[in-house]
């Protein structure tokens, strides 16, 4: 990644001491965010449009709050749980954003999960820093690591996700993690595709994802469309792309299932049926 695309020099870093770090998810299980704020700069990001962010005075992408003491809080919470928990990291930030290289909040949380291996953890990121923790991730018995992508086209990805590696680089990261024995998945959301959809595009896209060794592929169409700027739409049109329609998403999903790519990753190997349900927000 070039210096031009590194956001850490343009972000104000603050330190906070949260009272808790695990939040119950409406889909079951818990969400876990090591940081508040995210500088990755995805043009389609839904987080700043969430209700609890509407009163935030700081422009989204201009700040990161580091959660000091987060690992200790996580240790206390997991220690008190009588049943295995399903935890998703993260829903409102990237756990491997540039701040993590210095502050290592995510790494400290992984060390907590290593002491409580009965709990399962699903990680979603766009950042190559996740490979720093491959040694620890490989030792966690119930962890899945996912890469989020929006477009198979590297040029389009660089335009709408300016401070993240291009898609081919992310899939290469998944391939290396898969080769290290770590369960991996890909989230294609929002699914941005060529318009009109060329013949053979779906097969070629799935070929690239299959080569990464990912166990599962989930897709979603663009959320919060009314919140997207006109510039975002014009940018896609100039590149000959558009958000996938629900029908196109369904077509890709069906083709993925035919290839054996599950819609969701299941990392639990044993336990009652209710514990076998994977936690993913899609």
C-alpha atoms as a PDB file:
ATOM      1  CA  UNK A   1       0.000   0.000   0.000  1.00  0.00           C
ATOM      2  CA  UNK A   2       1.491   3.383  -0.973  1.00  0.00           C
ATOM      3  CA  UNK A   3       2.037   6.207   1.492  1.00  0.00           C
ATOM      4  CA  UNK A   4      -0.578   8.185  -0.443  1.00  0.00           C
ATOM      5  CA  UNK A   5      -3.200   5.717   0.692  1.00  0.00           C
ATOM      6  CA  UNK A   6      -2.224   5.526   4.350  1.00  0.00           C
ATOM      7  CA  UNK A   7      -4.754   7.387   6.518  1.00  0.00           C
ATOM      8  CA  UNK A   8      -2.950   7.478   9.850  1.00  0.00           C
ATOM      9  CA  UNK A   9      -1.460  10.932   9.247  1.00  0.00           C
ATOM     10  CA  UNK A  10      -4.892  12.511   8.722  1.00  0.00           C
ATOM     11  CA  UNK A  11      -6.710  11.016  11.718  1.00  0.00           C
ATOM     12  CA  UNK A  12      -6.984  12.384  15.250  1.00  0.00           C
ATOM     13  CA  UNK A  13      -6.258   9.653  17.800  1.00  0.00           C
ATOM     14  CA  UNK A  14      -7.930   9.777  21.215  1.00  0.00           C
ATOM     15  CA  UNK A  15      -7.949   7.326  24.111  1.00  0.00           C
ATOM     16  CA  UNK A  16     -11.073   6.243  25.957  1.00  0.00           C
ATOM     17  CA  UNK A  17     -11.857   3.767  28.726  1.00  0.00           C
ATOM     18  CA  UNK A  18     -15.074   1.957  27.849  1.00  0.00           C
ATOM     19  CA  UNK A  19     -17.306   0.429  30.492  1.00  0.00           C
ATOM     20  CA  UNK A  20     -17.960  -2.642  28.333  1.00  0.00           C
ATOM     21  CA  UNK A  21     -16.770  -4.069  25.029  1.00  0.00           C
ATOM     22  CA  UNK A  22     -19.265  -6.817  24.174  1.00  0.00           C
ATOM     23  CA  UNK A  23     -22.678  -5.804  22.886  1.00  0.00           C
ATOM     24  CA  UNK A  24     -25.547  -8.181  22.233  1.00  0.00           C
ATOM     25  CA  UNK A  25     -26.430  -8.528  18.583  1.00  0.00           C
ATOM     26  CA  UNK A  26     -29.991  -8.650  17.327  1.00  0.00           C
ATOM     27  CA  UNK A  27     -28.878 -11.623  15.206  1.00  0.00           C
ATOM     28  CA  UNK A  28     -27.646 -13.565  18.222  1.00  0.00           C
ATOM     29  CA  UNK A  29     -24.289 -13.544  19.910  1.00  0.00           C
ATOM     30  CA  UNK A  30     -22.211 -10.437  20.473  1.00  0.00           C
ATOM     31  CA  UNK A  31     -20.404  -7.707  18.569  1.00  0.00           C
ATOM     32  CA  UNK A  32     -16.920  -6.539  19.510  1.00  0.00           C
ATOM     33  CA  UNK A  33     -15.293  -3.317  18.247  1.00  0.00           C
ATOM     34  CA  UNK A  34     -11.702  -2.651  19.371  1.00  0.00           C
ATOM     35  CA  UNK A  35     -11.870   0.975  18.217  1.00  0.00           C
ATOM     36  CA  UNK A  36     -14.411   3.748  17.733  1.00  0.00           C
ATOM     37  CA  UNK A  37     -14.138   5.273  14.295  1.00  0.00           C
ATOM     38  CA  UNK A  38     -12.507   4.024  11.123  1.00  0.00           C
ATOM     39  CA  UNK A  39     -10.260   5.810   8.622  1.00  0.00           C
ATOM     40  CA  UNK A  40     -10.400   3.253   5.818  1.00  0.00           C
ATOM     41  CA  UNK A  41     -12.574   5.599   3.753  1.00  0.00           C
ATOM     42  CA  UNK A  42     -15.025   3.280   1.990  1.00  0.00           C
ATOM     43  CA  UNK A  43     -17.334   5.444  -0.119  1.00  0.00           C
ATOM     44  CA  UNK A  44     -20.368   3.281   0.694  1.00  0.00           C
ATOM     45  CA  UNK A  45     -19.838   2.956   4.480  1.00  0.00           C
ATOM     46  CA  UNK A  46     -23.108   2.633   6.403  1.00  0.00           C
ATOM     47  CA  UNK A  47     -21.738   3.322   9.901  1.00  0.00           C
ATOM     48  CA  UNK A  48     -21.936   7.152   9.854  1.00  0.00           C
ATOM     49  CA  UNK A  49     -25.612   6.866   8.913  1.00  0.00           C
ATOM     50  CA  UNK A  50     -26.509   4.688  11.912  1.00  0.00           C
ATOM     51  CA  UNK A  51     -28.827   6.306  14.454  1.00  0.00           C
ATOM     52  CA  UNK A  52     -26.301   6.414  17.300  1.00  0.00           C
ATOM     53  CA  UNK A  53     -23.812   8.262  15.058  1.00  0.00           C
ATOM     54  CA  UNK A  54     -26.154  11.075  14.075  1.00  0.00           C
ATOM     55  CA  UNK A  55     -25.194  13.194  17.106  1.00  0.00           C
ATOM     56  CA  UNK A  56     -21.459  12.740  16.496  1.00  0.00           C
ATOM     57  CA  UNK A  57     -19.882  16.125  15.753  1.00  0.00           C
ATOM     58  CA  UNK A  58     -16.625  14.752  14.362  1.00  0.00           C
ATOM     59  CA  UNK A  59     -16.631  13.927  10.641  1.00  0.00           C
ATOM     60  CA  UNK A  60     -16.591  10.184  10.062  1.00  0.00           C
ATOM     61  CA  UNK A  61     -13.132   9.021   9.051  1.00  0.00           C
ATOM     62  CA  UNK A  62     -11.346  11.878  10.826  1.00  0.00           C
ATOM     63  CA  UNK A  63     -11.002  10.237  14.243  1.00  0.00           C
ATOM     64  CA  UNK A  64     -10.188   6.983  15.993  1.00  0.00           C
ATOM     65  CA  UNK A  65     -10.812   6.330  19.684  1.00  0.00           C
ATOM     66  CA  UNK A  66      -8.538   3.667  21.138  1.00  0.00           C
ATOM     67  CA  UNK A  67     -10.307   1.511  23.742  1.00  0.00           C
ATOM     68  CA  UNK A  68      -7.788   1.265  26.559  1.00  0.00           C
ATOM     69  CA  UNK A  69      -8.324  -1.626  28.936  1.00  0.00           C
ATOM     70  CA  UNK A  70     -10.571  -3.374  26.406  1.00  0.00           C
ATOM     71  CA  UNK A  71      -8.800  -6.733  26.751  1.00  0.00           C
ATOM     72  CA  UNK A  72      -9.259  -6.725  30.537  1.00  0.00           C
ATOM     73  CA  UNK A  73     -12.981  -6.012  30.139  1.00  0.00           C
ATOM     74  CA  UNK A  74     -13.272  -8.811  27.584  1.00  0.00           C
ATOM     75  CA  UNK A  75     -11.468 -11.206  29.918  1.00  0.00           C
ATOM     76  CA  UNK A  76     -13.876 -10.420  32.729  1.00  0.00           C
ATOM     77  CA  UNK A  77     -16.940 -10.856  30.531  1.00  0.00           C
ATOM     78  CA  UNK A  78     -15.900 -14.105  28.881  1.00  0.00           C
ATOM     79  CA  UNK A  79     -14.854 -15.563  32.226  1.00  0.00           C
ATOM     80  CA  UNK A  80     -18.365 -15.042  33.582  1.00  0.00           C
ATOM     81  CA  UNK A  81     -20.167 -16.688  30.664  1.00  0.00           C
ATOM     82  CA  UNK A  82     -21.520 -20.155  31.397  1.00  0.00           C
ATOM     83  CA  UNK A  83     -22.184 -21.050  27.756  1.00  0.00           C
ATOM     84  CA  UNK A  84     -19.919 -20.629  24.708  1.00  0.00           C
ATOM     85  CA  UNK A  85     -20.440 -17.273  23.051  1.00  0.00           C
ATOM     86  CA  UNK A  86     -20.354 -16.302  19.381  1.00  0.00           C
ATOM     87  CA  UNK A  87     -18.582 -12.997  18.824  1.00  0.00           C
ATOM     88  CA  UNK A  88     -18.283 -10.924  15.654  1.00  0.00           C
ATOM     89  CA  UNK A  89     -15.409  -8.437  15.283  1.00  0.00           C
ATOM     90  CA  UNK A  90     -16.163  -5.886  13.947  1.00  0.00           C
ATOM     91  CA  UNK A  91     -19.423  -4.220  12.906  1.00  0.00           C
ATOM     92  CA  UNK A  92     -18.499  -0.526  13.140  1.00  0.00           C
ATOM     93  CA  UNK A  93     -14.742  -0.352  12.549  1.00  0.00           C
ATOM     94  CA  UNK A  94     -11.909  -2.286  10.952  1.00  0.00           C
ATOM     95  CA  UNK A  95     -10.082  -4.215  13.699  1.00  0.00           C
ATOM     96  CA  UNK A  96      -6.843  -4.071  11.685  1.00  0.00           C
ATOM     97  CA  UNK A  97      -6.923  -0.399  10.709  1.00  0.00           C
ATOM     98  CA  UNK A  98      -3.536   1.412  10.868  1.00  0.00           C
ATOM     99  CA  UNK A  99      -3.935   2.351  14.558  1.00  0.00           C
ATOM    100  CA  UNK A 100      -3.783  -1.361  15.438  1.00  0.00           C
ATOM    101  CA  UNK A 101      -0.149  -1.567  14.341  1.00  0.00           C
ATOM    102  CA  UNK A 102       0.786   0.697  17.243  1.00  0.00           C
ATOM    103  CA  UNK A 103      -1.876   0.077  19.895  1.00  0.00           C
ATOM    104  CA  UNK A 104      -2.456  -3.686  19.394  1.00  0.00           C
ATOM    105  CA  UNK A 105      -5.949  -3.682  20.925  1.00  0.00           C
ATOM    106  CA  UNK A 106      -7.135  -6.380  18.531  1.00  0.00           C
ATOM    107  CA  UNK A 107      -4.066  -8.532  19.234  1.00  0.00           C
ATOM    108  CA  UNK A 108      -4.691  -8.269  22.975  1.00  0.00           C
ATOM    109  CA  UNK A 109      -8.275  -9.421  22.439  1.00  0.00           C
ATOM    110  CA  UNK A 110      -7.095 -12.455  20.469  1.00  0.00           C
ATOM    111  CA  UNK A 111      -4.883 -13.366  23.411  1.00  0.00           C
ATOM    112  CA  UNK A 112      -7.985 -13.318  25.615  1.00  0.00           C
ATOM    113  CA  UNK A 113      -9.793 -15.689  23.243  1.00  0.00           C
ATOM    114  CA  UNK A 114      -6.757 -17.982  23.361  1.00  0.00           C
ATOM    115  CA  UNK A 115      -7.373 -18.315  27.119  1.00  0.00           C
ATOM    116  CA  UNK A 116     -11.078 -19.001  26.508  1.00  0.00           C
ATOM    117  CA  UNK A 117     -11.094 -21.310  23.460  1.00  0.00           C
ATOM    118  CA  UNK A 118     -14.693 -22.417  24.018  1.00  0.00           C
ATOM    119  CA  UNK A 119     -15.897 -19.111  22.552  1.00  0.00           C
ATOM    120  CA  UNK A 120     -16.002 -18.589  18.790  1.00  0.00           C
ATOM    121  CA  UNK A 121     -14.775 -15.472  17.048  1.00  0.00           C
ATOM    122  CA  UNK A 122     -15.483 -14.184  13.539  1.00  0.00           C
ATOM    123  CA  UNK A 123     -13.169 -11.435  12.281  1.00  0.00           C
ATOM    124  CA  UNK A 124     -13.891  -9.197   9.299  1.00  0.00           C
ATOM    125  CA  UNK A 125     -11.286  -6.822   7.878  1.00  0.00           C
ATOM    126  CA  UNK A 126      -9.891  -5.274   4.707  1.00  0.00           C
ATOM    127  CA  UNK A 127      -6.372  -4.810   6.011  1.00  0.00           C
ATOM    128  CA  UNK A 128      -3.143  -6.799   5.505  1.00  0.00           C
ATOM    129  CA  UNK A 129      -2.143  -6.293   9.142  1.00  0.00           C
ATOM    130  CA  UNK A 130      -4.282  -9.333   9.994  1.00  0.00           C
ATOM    131  CA  UNK A 131      -1.368 -11.485   8.791  1.00  0.00           C
ATOM    132  CA  UNK A 132       0.733 -10.215  11.683  1.00  0.00           C
ATOM    133  CA  UNK A 133      -1.469 -12.316  13.955  1.00  0.00           C
ATOM    134  CA  UNK A 134      -1.498 -15.478  11.826  1.00  0.00           C
ATOM    135  CA  UNK A 135       0.521 -17.328  14.455  1.00  0.00           C
ATOM    136  CA  UNK A 136      -2.066 -16.636  17.122  1.00  0.00           C
ATOM    137  CA  UNK A 137      -5.064 -17.108  14.838  1.00  0.00           C
ATOM    138  CA  UNK A 138      -3.789 -20.546  13.826  1.00  0.00           C
ATOM    139  CA  UNK A 139      -3.862 -21.611  17.473  1.00  0.00           C
ATOM    140  CA  UNK A 140      -7.448 -20.528  18.085  1.00  0.00           C
ATOM    141  CA  UNK A 141      -9.734 -23.528  17.580  1.00  0.00           C
ATOM    142  CA  UNK A 142     -12.890 -21.520  16.844  1.00  0.00           C
ATOM    143  CA  UNK A 143     -11.917 -18.542  14.736  1.00  0.00           C
ATOM    144  CA  UNK A 144     -12.891 -17.510  11.226  1.00  0.00           C
ATOM    145  CA  UNK A 145     -11.177 -14.681   9.368  1.00  0.00           C
ATOM    146  CA  UNK A 146     -12.953 -12.860   6.580  1.00  0.00           C
ATOM    147  CA  UNK A 147     -12.035 -10.266   4.007  1.00  0.00           C
ATOM    148  CA  UNK A 148     -14.637  -7.780   2.875  1.00  0.00           C
ATOM    149  CA  UNK A 149     -14.640  -6.860  -0.808  1.00  0.00           C
ATOM    150  CA  UNK A 150     -16.919  -4.691  -2.935  1.00  0.00           C
ATOM    151  CA  UNK A 151     -15.673  -5.142  -6.499  1.00  0.00           C
ATOM    152  CA  UNK A 152     -13.628  -7.804  -8.231  1.00  0.00           C
ATOM    153  CA  UNK A 153     -12.105  -5.027 -10.367  1.00  0.00           C
ATOM    154  CA  UNK A 154      -8.984  -3.661  -8.637  1.00  0.00           C
ATOM    155  CA  UNK A 155      -9.354  -0.264 -10.295  1.00  0.00           C
ATOM    156  CA  UNK A 156     -12.886   0.201  -8.979  1.00  0.00           C
ATOM    157  CA  UNK A 157     -11.907  -1.079  -5.543  1.00  0.00           C
ATOM    158  CA  UNK A 158      -9.118   1.497  -5.298  1.00  0.00           C
ATOM    159  CA  UNK A 159     -11.537   4.298  -6.201  1.00  0.00           C
ATOM    160  CA  UNK A 160     -14.221   3.475  -3.641  1.00  0.00           C
ATOM    161  CA  UNK A 161     -11.999   1.998  -0.895  1.00  0.00           C
ATOM    162  CA  UNK A 162      -8.978   4.319  -1.186  1.00  0.00           C
ATOM    163  CA  UNK A 163      -7.148   3.269   1.970  1.00  0.00           C
ATOM    164  CA  UNK A 164      -7.480  -0.486   1.642  1.00  0.00           C
ATOM    165  CA  UNK A 165      -5.565  -2.995  -0.484  1.00  0.00           C
ATOM    166  CA  UNK A 166      -7.148  -3.751  -3.839  1.00  0.00           C
ATOM    167  CA  UNK A 167      -9.301  -6.846  -4.117  1.00  0.00           C
ATOM    168  CA  UNK A 168      -6.654  -9.122  -5.618  1.00  0.00           C
ATOM    169  CA  UNK A 169      -4.357  -8.321  -2.691  1.00  0.00           C
ATOM    170  CA  UNK A 170      -7.114  -9.123  -0.189  1.00  0.00           C
ATOM    171  CA  UNK A 171      -7.816 -12.452  -1.839  1.00  0.00           C
ATOM    172  CA  UNK A 172      -4.091 -13.212  -1.736  1.00  0.00           C
ATOM    173  CA  UNK A 173      -4.169 -12.561   2.021  1.00  0.00           C
ATOM    174  CA  UNK A 174      -7.077 -14.985   2.386  1.00  0.00           C
ATOM    175  CA  UNK A 175      -5.111 -17.568   0.404  1.00  0.00           C
ATOM    176  CA  UNK A 176      -2.122 -17.274   2.734  1.00  0.00           C
ATOM    177  CA  UNK A 177      -4.287 -17.471   5.841  1.00  0.00           C
ATOM    178  CA  UNK A 178      -6.131 -20.483   4.397  1.00  0.00           C
ATOM    179  CA  UNK A 179      -2.774 -22.107   3.721  1.00  0.00           C
ATOM    180  CA  UNK A 180      -1.887 -21.619   7.376  1.00  0.00           C
ATOM    181  CA  UNK A 181      -4.906 -23.705   8.357  1.00  0.00           C
ATOM    182  CA  UNK A 182      -7.128 -20.780   9.367  1.00  0.00           C
ATOM    183  CA  UNK A 183     -10.818 -20.933   8.441  1.00  0.00           C
ATOM    184  CA  UNK A 184     -11.533 -18.068   6.030  1.00  0.00           C
ATOM    185  CA  UNK A 185     -14.478 -16.472   4.265  1.00  0.00           C
ATOM    186  CA  UNK A 186     -15.234 -13.598   1.884  1.00  0.00           C
ATOM    187  CA  UNK A 187     -17.981 -11.018   2.300  1.00  0.00           C
ATOM    188  CA  UNK A 188     -18.859  -9.385  -1.015  1.00  0.00           C
ATOM    189  CA  UNK A 189     -20.843  -6.428   0.230  1.00  0.00           C
ATOM    190  CA  UNK A 190     -21.956  -4.222  -1.219  1.00  0.00           C
ATOM    191  CA  UNK A 191     -21.659  -6.224  -4.400  1.00  0.00           C
ATOM    192  CA  UNK A 192     -20.506  -3.819  -7.121  1.00  0.00           C
ATOM    193  CA  UNK A 193     -20.520  -5.371 -10.598  1.00  0.00           C
ATOM    194  CA  UNK A 194     -19.983  -4.333 -14.224  1.00  0.00           C
ATOM    195  CA  UNK A 195     -23.037  -2.822 -15.871  1.00  0.00           C
ATOM    196  CA  UNK A 196     -24.309  -4.461 -17.936  1.00  0.00           C
ATOM    197  CA  UNK A 197     -23.130  -7.775 -16.491  1.00  0.00           C
ATOM    198  CA  UNK A 198     -20.848  -9.458 -19.049  1.00  0.00           C
ATOM    199  CA  UNK A 199     -21.239 -13.075 -20.025  1.00  0.00           C
ATOM    200  CA  UNK A 200     -18.802 -15.116 -18.002  1.00  0.00           C
ATOM    201  CA  UNK A 201     -18.332 -12.507 -15.250  1.00  0.00           C
ATOM    202  CA  UNK A 202     -19.918 -14.588 -12.501  1.00  0.00           C
ATOM    203  CA  UNK A 203     -17.773 -17.630 -13.250  1.00  0.00           C
ATOM    204  CA  UNK A 204     -14.565 -15.587 -13.417  1.00  0.00           C
ATOM    205  CA  UNK A 205     -15.352 -13.805 -10.142  1.00  0.00           C
ATOM    206  CA  UNK A 206     -16.072 -17.083  -8.379  1.00  0.00           C
ATOM    207  CA  UNK A 207     -12.899 -18.597  -9.833  1.00  0.00           C
ATOM    208  CA  UNK A 208     -10.864 -15.851  -8.141  1.00  0.00           C
ATOM    209  CA  UNK A 209     -12.632 -16.359  -4.812  1.00  0.00           C
ATOM    210  CA  UNK A 210     -12.291 -20.145  -4.993  1.00  0.00           C
ATOM    211  CA  UNK A 211      -8.555 -19.859  -5.610  1.00  0.00           C
ATOM    212  CA  UNK A 212      -8.238 -18.003  -2.304  1.00  0.00           C
ATOM    213  CA  UNK A 213      -9.272 -21.109  -0.399  1.00  0.00           C
ATOM    214  CA  UNK A 214     -12.141 -19.323   1.340  1.00  0.00           C
ATOM    215  CA  UNK A 215     -14.697 -21.710   2.796  1.00  0.00           C
ATOM    216  CA  UNK A 216     -17.675 -19.410   2.345  1.00  0.00           C
ATOM    217  CA  UNK A 217     -18.906 -16.460   0.315  1.00  0.00           C
ATOM    218  CA  UNK A 218     -21.705 -14.150   1.427  1.00  0.00           C
ATOM    219  CA  UNK A 219     -23.129 -11.320  -0.651  1.00  0.00           C
ATOM    220  CA  UNK A 220     -25.357  -8.338  -0.112  1.00  0.00           C
ATOM    221  CA  UNK A 221     -26.649  -5.481  -2.208  1.00  0.00           C
ATOM    222  CA  UNK A 222     -25.926  -1.860  -1.356  1.00  0.00           C
ATOM    223  CA  UNK A 223     -27.443  -0.676   1.923  1.00  0.00           C
ATOM    224  CA  UNK A 224     -28.367   2.904   2.757  1.00  0.00           C
ATOM    225  CA  UNK A 225     -28.726   3.828  -0.900  1.00  0.00           C
ATOM    226  CA  UNK A 226     -30.479   7.080  -0.020  1.00  0.00           C
ATOM    227  CA  UNK A 227     -27.386   8.122   1.963  1.00  0.00           C
ATOM    228  CA  UNK A 228     -24.910   7.635  -0.868  1.00  0.00           C
ATOM    229  CA  UNK A 229     -23.595  10.788  -2.498  1.00  0.00           C
ATOM    230  CA  UNK A 230     -24.331  11.548  -6.116  1.00  0.00           C
ATOM    231  CA  UNK A 231     -20.571  11.542  -6.629  1.00  0.00           C
ATOM    232  CA  UNK A 232     -20.384   7.887  -5.592  1.00  0.00           C
ATOM    233  CA  UNK A 233     -22.991   6.945  -8.189  1.00  0.00           C
ATOM    234  CA  UNK A 234     -21.327   9.017 -10.890  1.00  0.00           C
ATOM    235  CA  UNK A 235     -17.972   7.441 -10.079  1.00  0.00           C
ATOM    236  CA  UNK A 236     -19.386   3.953 -10.574  1.00  0.00           C
ATOM    237  CA  UNK A 237     -21.094   4.937 -13.820  1.00  0.00           C
ATOM    238  CA  UNK A 238     -17.828   6.358 -15.195  1.00  0.00           C
ATOM    239  CA  UNK A 239     -16.166   3.024 -14.470  1.00  0.00           C
ATOM    240  CA  UNK A 240     -18.982   1.048 -16.088  1.00  0.00           C
ATOM    241  CA  UNK A 241     -20.133  -0.440 -12.771  1.00  0.00           C
ATOM    242  CA  UNK A 242     -23.222  -0.367 -10.574  1.00  0.00           C
ATOM    243  CA  UNK A 243     -24.512  -1.922  -7.353  1.00  0.00           C
ATOM    244  CA  UNK A 244     -25.713  -5.464  -8.028  1.00  0.00           C
ATOM    245  CA  UNK A 245     -29.453  -5.830  -8.204  1.00  0.00           C
ATOM    246  CA  UNK A 246     -31.140  -8.350  -5.873  1.00  0.00           C
ATOM    247  CA  UNK A 247     -31.588 -10.652  -8.885  1.00  0.00           C
ATOM    248  CA  UNK A 248     -27.873 -10.465  -9.695  1.00  0.00           C
ATOM    249  CA  UNK A 249     -26.963 -11.132  -6.073  1.00  0.00           C
ATOM    250  CA  UNK A 250     -29.204 -14.184  -6.122  1.00  0.00           C
ATOM    251  CA  UNK A 251     -27.624 -15.402  -9.356  1.00  0.00           C
ATOM    252  CA  UNK A 252     -24.115 -15.159  -7.892  1.00  0.00           C
ATOM    253  CA  UNK A 253     -25.226 -16.857  -4.681  1.00  0.00           C
ATOM    254  CA  UNK A 254     -26.749 -19.784  -6.577  1.00  0.00           C
ATOM    255  CA  UNK A 255     -23.603 -20.213  -8.654  1.00  0.00           C
ATOM    256  CA  UNK A 256     -21.481 -20.099  -5.489  1.00  0.00           C
ATOM    257  CA  UNK A 257     -23.573 -22.822  -3.827  1.00  0.00           C
ATOM    258  CA  UNK A 258     -23.208 -25.007  -6.912  1.00  0.00           C
ATOM    259  CA  UNK A 259     -19.430 -24.756  -6.458  1.00  0.00           C
ATOM    260  CA  UNK A 260     -19.649 -25.738  -2.804  1.00  0.00           C
ATOM    261  CA  UNK A 261     -19.081 -22.264  -1.408  1.00  0.00           C
ATOM    262  CA  UNK A 262     -21.302 -22.034   1.646  1.00  0.00           C
ATOM    263  CA  UNK A 263     -23.283 -18.882   2.299  1.00  0.00           C
ATOM    264  CA  UNK A 264     -21.950 -18.750   5.839  1.00  0.00           C
ATOM    265  CA  UNK A 265     -18.920 -20.137   7.565  1.00  0.00           C
ATOM    266  CA  UNK A 266     -19.415 -22.605  10.405  1.00  0.00           C
ATOM    267  CA  UNK A 267     -16.370 -22.964  12.624  1.00  0.00           C
ATOM    268  CA  UNK A 268     -17.893 -25.012  15.419  1.00  0.00           C
ATOM    269  CA  UNK A 269     -17.041 -28.684  15.191  1.00  0.00           C
ATOM    270  CA  UNK A 270     -19.179 -30.025  18.002  1.00  0.00           C
ATOM    271  CA  UNK A 271     -21.928 -29.067  20.381  1.00  0.00           C
ATOM    272  CA  UNK A 272     -25.730 -28.888  20.546  1.00  0.00           C
ATOM    273  CA  UNK A 273     -27.580 -27.692  17.427  1.00  0.00           C
ATOM    274  CA  UNK A 274     -28.184 -24.221  18.884  1.00  0.00           C
ATOM    275  CA  UNK A 275     -24.434 -23.782  19.268  1.00  0.00           C
ATOM    276  CA  UNK A 276     -23.817 -24.796  15.683  1.00  0.00           C
ATOM    277  CA  UNK A 277     -25.513 -21.710  14.238  1.00  0.00           C
ATOM    278  CA  UNK A 278     -22.859 -19.415  12.803  1.00  0.00           C
ATOM    279  CA  UNK A 279     -22.864 -15.734  13.679  1.00  0.00           C
ATOM    280  CA  UNK A 280     -22.481 -13.465  10.690  1.00  0.00           C
ATOM    281  CA  UNK A 281     -24.445 -10.258  10.034  1.00  0.00           C
ATOM    282  CA  UNK A 282     -25.447 -11.228   6.521  1.00  0.00           C
END
